[in-house]
Amino acid sequence: MAVKQTAGRDALGEFAPKFAQLNDDVLFGEVWSREDKLSLRDRSLVTVVSLMAQGLVDSSFQFHLMSAKKNGITRAEIAEILTHAAFYAGWPKAWAAFRMAKEVWTEEISEPDAKSAHAASMLFPIGQPNEAFAQYFIGRSYLAPVSAEQAGIFNVTFEPGCRNNWHIHHAKSGGGQILICVGGRGYYQEWGKKAQELVPGDVVNIPAGVKHWHGAAPDSWFSHLAVEVPAEEGFNEWLEPVDDVAYTSASH
């Protein structure tokens, strides 16, 4: 999936149109988009270290720190990256880089606190680790039964970055699933279509026979109620995992 960038044209489109075009279309549209060669996360890591080594801790460096966070580099990882680079690029440069990195990752809180804050934001409990279906998830998920009468309703919670495999709800008649988003931010994607972002209040109707996946955003816990639509001869078919390349594309 191509990385979309307009910073060059926004800042220099009239003054230096060729430079702007090379920045937006070649550097980002081609080089940054070669995810089959190097992931966005790894490209962010290389870029941050390269800029730090030159002492370029300006607005460009801040942009790339923000991109690194968006591409999955955590607060603990950026601290280790800059510490390691300091021995090769220079201690004063690391001090300058850390000052800016602290601003970018300042709101990040510990996992237990984030989980507690997410639980407090919902009416429904997070529940227990979803061990029975763990083999079909990348990352940790939690399950809380809400109702077993008339239709099965479960609150499913995903830690940041967690998603389930591609899967299909089969049925001779009826069937499918309804997702009602109740907390955090996540994604839903049907096979062959673009992923859609989900926030509390969003509802997704999934007919039987549709290949799809759903899960949390990289930087947010996410919960939805999963409503099992009554079905005749209904069953789930679990398929391949949503790999990092497909997941990163979905979240951009």
Protein backbone atom coordinates (compact mmCIF):
# COMPACT_ATOMS: atom_id res chain seq x y z
CA MET A 1 0.00 0.00 0.00
CA ALA A 2 1.52 3.34 -1.05
CA VAL A 3 2.36 5.87 1.65
CA LYS A 4 0.48 9.11 1.00
CA GLN A 5 2.41 12.32 1.63
CA THR A 6 1.64 15.93 0.70
CA ALA A 7 4.12 17.81 2.91
CA GLY A 8 6.37 18.69 -0.02
CA ARG A 9 3.59 20.17 -2.10
CA ASP A 10 2.04 21.88 0.92
CA ALA A 11 5.30 23.64 1.88
CA LEU A 12 7.17 23.98 -1.42
CA GLY A 13 4.69 23.25 -4.19
CA GLU A 14 4.97 26.70 -5.74
CA PHE A 15 8.56 27.54 -4.77
CA ALA A 16 10.20 24.20 -5.69
CA PRO A 17 7.63 22.00 -7.44
CA LYS A 18 10.15 19.37 -8.57
CA PHE A 19 11.59 18.96 -5.08
CA ALA A 20 8.05 18.72 -3.70
CA GLN A 21 7.15 16.05 -6.27
CA LEU A 22 10.28 14.01 -5.51
CA ASN A 23 9.62 14.25 -1.77
CA ASP A 24 5.95 13.21 -1.94
CA ASP A 25 5.91 10.79 -4.86
CA VAL A 26 9.38 9.22 -4.89
CA LEU A 27 10.70 9.32 -1.32
CA PHE A 28 7.37 8.49 0.33
CA GLY A 29 5.26 7.18 -2.56
CA GLU A 30 7.96 4.75 -3.78
CA VAL A 31 10.81 4.25 -1.29
CA TRP A 32 8.74 4.26 1.91
CA SER A 33 6.09 2.12 0.21
CA ARG A 34 8.43 -0.81 -0.53
CA GLU A 35 7.06 -2.82 2.39
CA ASP A 36 7.94 -6.09 0.67
CA LYS A 37 11.59 -5.13 1.23
CA LEU A 38 11.45 -3.37 4.61
CA SER A 39 8.49 -2.71 6.91
CA LEU A 40 7.32 0.81 7.79
CA ARG A 41 8.41 0.15 11.37
CA ASP A 42 11.95 -0.73 10.30
CA ARG A 43 12.13 2.23 7.93
CA SER A 44 11.11 4.51 10.80
CA LEU A 45 13.85 3.04 12.97
CA VAL A 46 16.51 3.58 10.28
CA THR A 47 15.30 7.13 9.57
CA VAL A 48 15.23 8.21 13.24
CA VAL A 49 18.75 6.92 13.85
CA SER A 50 20.05 8.51 10.63
CA LEU A 51 18.62 11.94 11.50
CA MET A 52 19.83 11.72 15.09
CA ALA A 53 23.36 10.85 13.89
CA GLN A 54 23.39 14.08 11.88
CA GLY A 55 22.09 16.11 14.81
CA LEU A 56 18.94 17.03 12.86
CA VAL A 57 16.50 17.28 15.76
CA ASP A 58 14.14 19.72 14.05
CA SER A 59 10.52 19.54 12.91
CA SER A 60 11.47 16.83 10.41
CA PHE A 61 12.88 14.72 13.25
CA GLN A 62 9.70 15.25 15.26
CA PHE A 63 7.61 14.14 12.27
CA HIS A 64 9.65 10.96 11.95
CA LEU A 65 9.40 10.28 15.69
CA MET A 66 5.63 10.59 15.42
CA SER A 67 5.67 8.29 12.39
CA ALA A 68 7.81 5.80 14.32
CA LYS A 69 5.26 5.74 17.12
CA LYS A 70 2.42 5.34 14.63
CA ASN A 71 4.33 2.51 12.94
CA GLY A 72 4.54 0.55 16.17
CA ILE A 73 7.75 1.59 17.94
CA THR A 74 7.00 1.78 21.66
CA ARG A 75 8.27 4.17 24.32
CA ALA A 76 10.58 1.49 25.73
CA GLU A 77 11.92 0.66 22.27
CA ILE A 78 12.67 4.27 21.28
CA ALA A 79 14.52 4.75 24.57
CA GLU A 80 16.66 1.68 23.82
CA ILE A 81 17.18 2.70 20.19
CA LEU A 82 18.44 6.18 21.12
CA THR A 83 20.58 4.81 23.95
CA HIS A 84 22.25 2.33 21.62
CA ALA A 85 22.76 4.94 18.88
CA ALA A 86 24.29 7.37 21.38
CA PHE A 87 27.48 5.27 21.57
CA TYR A 88 27.95 5.58 17.80
CA ALA A 89 26.37 8.92 16.92
CA GLY A 90 27.29 11.00 19.97
CA TRP A 91 26.05 11.59 23.51
CA PRO A 92 24.94 15.23 23.04
CA LYS A 93 22.92 14.24 19.97
CA ALA A 94 21.15 11.57 22.02
CA TRP A 95 20.29 14.13 24.75
CA ALA A 96 18.72 16.37 22.11
CA ALA A 97 16.83 13.46 20.57
CA PHE A 98 15.54 12.28 23.95
CA ARG A 99 14.08 15.69 24.72
CA MET A 100 11.92 15.49 21.61
CA ALA A 101 11.11 11.79 22.03
CA LYS A 102 9.79 12.44 25.54
CA GLU A 103 7.28 14.90 24.06
CA VAL A 104 6.09 12.43 21.43
CA TRP A 105 5.69 9.49 23.83
CA THR A 106 4.70 11.56 26.87
CA GLU A 107 1.11 10.32 27.06
CA GLU A 108 2.02 6.62 26.85
CA ILE A 109 1.14 4.83 30.07
CA SER A 110 1.95 1.40 31.42
CA GLU A 111 0.03 -1.60 30.10
CA PRO A 112 -1.78 -2.35 33.39
CA ASP A 113 -2.88 1.27 33.67
CA ALA A 114 -3.97 1.34 30.03
CA LYS A 115 -5.98 -1.85 30.49
CA SER A 116 -7.62 -0.46 33.63
CA ALA A 117 -8.43 2.83 31.91
CA HIS A 118 -10.00 0.94 29.01
CA ALA A 119 -12.07 -1.21 31.37
CA ALA A 120 -13.29 1.89 33.20
CA SER A 121 -14.45 3.44 29.91
CA MET A 122 -16.97 0.64 29.21
CA LEU A 123 -20.24 -0.60 30.65
CA PHE A 124 -19.23 -4.22 30.04
CA PRO A 125 -16.39 -6.10 31.75
CA ILE A 126 -13.21 -7.13 29.93
CA GLY A 127 -13.54 -10.67 31.25
CA GLN A 128 -10.93 -13.40 31.22
CA PRO A 129 -8.11 -14.25 28.77
CA ASN A 130 -9.62 -15.80 25.66
CA GLU A 131 -7.57 -18.98 25.93
CA ALA A 132 -10.00 -21.23 24.03
CA PHE A 133 -9.53 -19.19 20.84
CA ALA A 134 -5.96 -17.95 21.43
CA GLN A 135 -4.65 -19.97 18.49
CA TYR A 136 -6.78 -17.84 16.15
CA PHE A 137 -5.48 -14.48 17.41
CA ILE A 138 -2.25 -12.52 17.07
CA GLY A 139 -1.80 -10.88 20.49
CA ARG A 140 -3.91 -11.25 23.62
CA SER A 141 -7.67 -11.06 23.70
CA TYR A 142 -10.24 -11.31 26.47
CA LEU A 143 -13.78 -12.65 26.55
CA ALA A 144 -16.75 -11.74 28.75
CA PRO A 145 -20.11 -13.52 28.15
CA VAL A 146 -22.98 -11.02 28.25
CA SER A 147 -25.95 -13.22 27.32
CA ALA A 148 -26.61 -16.81 26.28
CA GLU A 149 -30.39 -16.38 25.85
CA GLN A 150 -31.95 -16.04 22.36
CA ALA A 151 -28.59 -15.08 20.87
CA GLY A 152 -25.04 -15.42 22.16
CA ILE A 153 -23.54 -12.03 23.04
CA PHE A 154 -19.91 -11.67 24.14
CA ASN A 155 -17.75 -8.67 24.92
CA VAL A 156 -14.47 -9.29 23.09
CA THR A 157 -11.49 -7.13 24.06
CA PHE A 158 -8.24 -6.84 22.09
CA GLU A 159 -4.97 -5.45 23.46
CA PRO A 160 -3.22 -2.90 21.16
CA GLY A 161 -2.15 -4.59 17.94
CA CYS A 162 -4.21 -7.73 18.59
CA ARG A 163 -6.43 -9.08 15.80
CA ASN A 164 -8.10 -12.33 14.94
CA ASN A 165 -7.37 -14.43 11.85
CA TRP A 166 -9.32 -14.14 8.66
CA HIS A 167 -12.47 -16.20 9.19
CA ILE A 168 -15.92 -16.95 7.78
CA HIS A 169 -19.23 -17.56 9.56
CA HIS A 170 -20.96 -20.31 7.59
CA ALA A 171 -24.63 -21.26 7.80
CA LYS A 172 -27.23 -23.15 5.81
CA SER A 173 -29.59 -20.27 6.57
CA GLY A 174 -29.42 -17.20 8.81
CA GLY A 175 -26.16 -16.81 10.65
CA GLY A 176 -23.42 -14.25 10.46
CA GLN A 177 -22.43 -11.83 13.20
CA ILE A 178 -23.05 -8.30 14.42
CA LEU A 179 -20.27 -6.24 16.00
CA ILE A 180 -21.23 -3.36 18.30
CA CYS A 181 -18.20 -1.28 19.25
CA VAL A 182 -18.14 -0.29 22.92
CA GLY A 183 -14.62 0.91 23.68
CA GLY A 184 -11.30 2.02 22.20
CA ARG A 185 -10.41 2.02 18.52
CA GLY A 186 -10.07 -0.85 16.08
CA TYR A 187 -10.53 -2.09 12.53
CA TYR A 188 -12.79 -4.37 10.51
CA GLN A 189 -11.95 -5.60 7.04
CA GLU A 190 -13.70 -7.80 4.49
CA TRP A 191 -11.70 -9.74 1.92
CA GLY A 192 -11.04 -7.60 -1.15
CA LYS A 193 -12.14 -4.35 0.52
CA LYS A 194 -10.40 -1.56 2.43
CA ALA A 195 -10.32 -1.80 6.21
CA GLN A 196 -12.64 0.50 8.13
CA GLU A 197 -11.84 2.16 11.44
CA LEU A 198 -14.19 1.38 14.33
CA VAL A 199 -14.95 3.53 17.38
CA PRO A 200 -17.60 3.27 20.12
CA GLY A 201 -21.09 3.41 18.67
CA ASP A 202 -20.16 1.87 15.31
CA VAL A 203 -22.08 -1.24 14.25
CA VAL A 204 -20.91 -3.79 11.67
CA ASN A 205 -23.29 -6.33 10.13
CA ILE A 206 -21.41 -9.38 8.83
CA PRO A 207 -23.47 -11.73 6.65
CA ALA A 208 -22.75 -15.45 6.60
CA GLY A 209 -20.16 -16.46 4.02
CA VAL A 210 -18.10 -13.22 4.18
CA LYS A 211 -14.35 -13.59 4.81
CA HIS A 212 -13.19 -10.95 7.30
CA TRP A 213 -11.12 -10.04 10.37
CA HIS A 214 -11.33 -7.49 13.17
CA GLY A 215 -9.07 -6.24 15.93
CA ALA A 216 -7.47 -3.33 17.76
CA ALA A 217 -5.50 -0.40 16.40
CA PRO A 218 -1.73 -0.54 17.07
CA ASP A 219 -1.97 2.15 19.77
CA SER A 220 -5.34 1.44 21.40
CA TRP A 221 -7.24 -1.20 23.33
CA PHE A 222 -10.48 -2.13 21.59
CA SER A 223 -13.71 -3.87 22.61
CA HIS A 224 -16.83 -4.86 20.74
CA LEU A 225 -19.90 -6.89 21.53
CA ALA A 226 -20.03 -9.91 19.22
CA VAL A 227 -23.65 -10.91 18.60
CA GLU A 228 -24.11 -14.38 17.15
CA VAL A 229 -27.01 -14.30 14.69
CA PRO A 230 -29.08 -17.49 15.05
CA ALA A 231 -28.23 -19.93 12.27
CA GLU A 232 -29.19 -23.29 10.88
CA GLU A 233 -26.09 -25.51 10.77
CA GLY A 234 -23.83 -22.60 11.63
CA PHE A 235 -20.08 -22.90 12.19
CA ASN A 236 -16.94 -20.79 11.98
CA GLU A 237 -14.09 -21.47 9.55
CA TRP A 238 -10.79 -20.05 10.81
CA LEU A 239 -8.30 -19.16 8.09
CA GLU A 240 -4.84 -17.57 7.75
CA PRO A 241 -3.50 -14.94 10.19
CA VAL A 242 -3.50 -11.25 9.30
CA ASP A 243 0.26 -10.75 8.92
CA ASP A 244 2.14 -7.58 9.87
CA VAL A 245 2.25 -6.22 6.31
CA ALA A 246 -1.52 -6.58 5.80
CA TYR A 247 -2.24 -5.23 9.29
CA THR A 248 0.02 -2.19 8.82
CA SER A 249 -1.65 -1.47 5.48
CA ALA A 250 -5.07 -1.68 7.11
CA SER A 251 -4.12 0.79 9.82
CA HIS A 252 -2.87 3.52 7.45
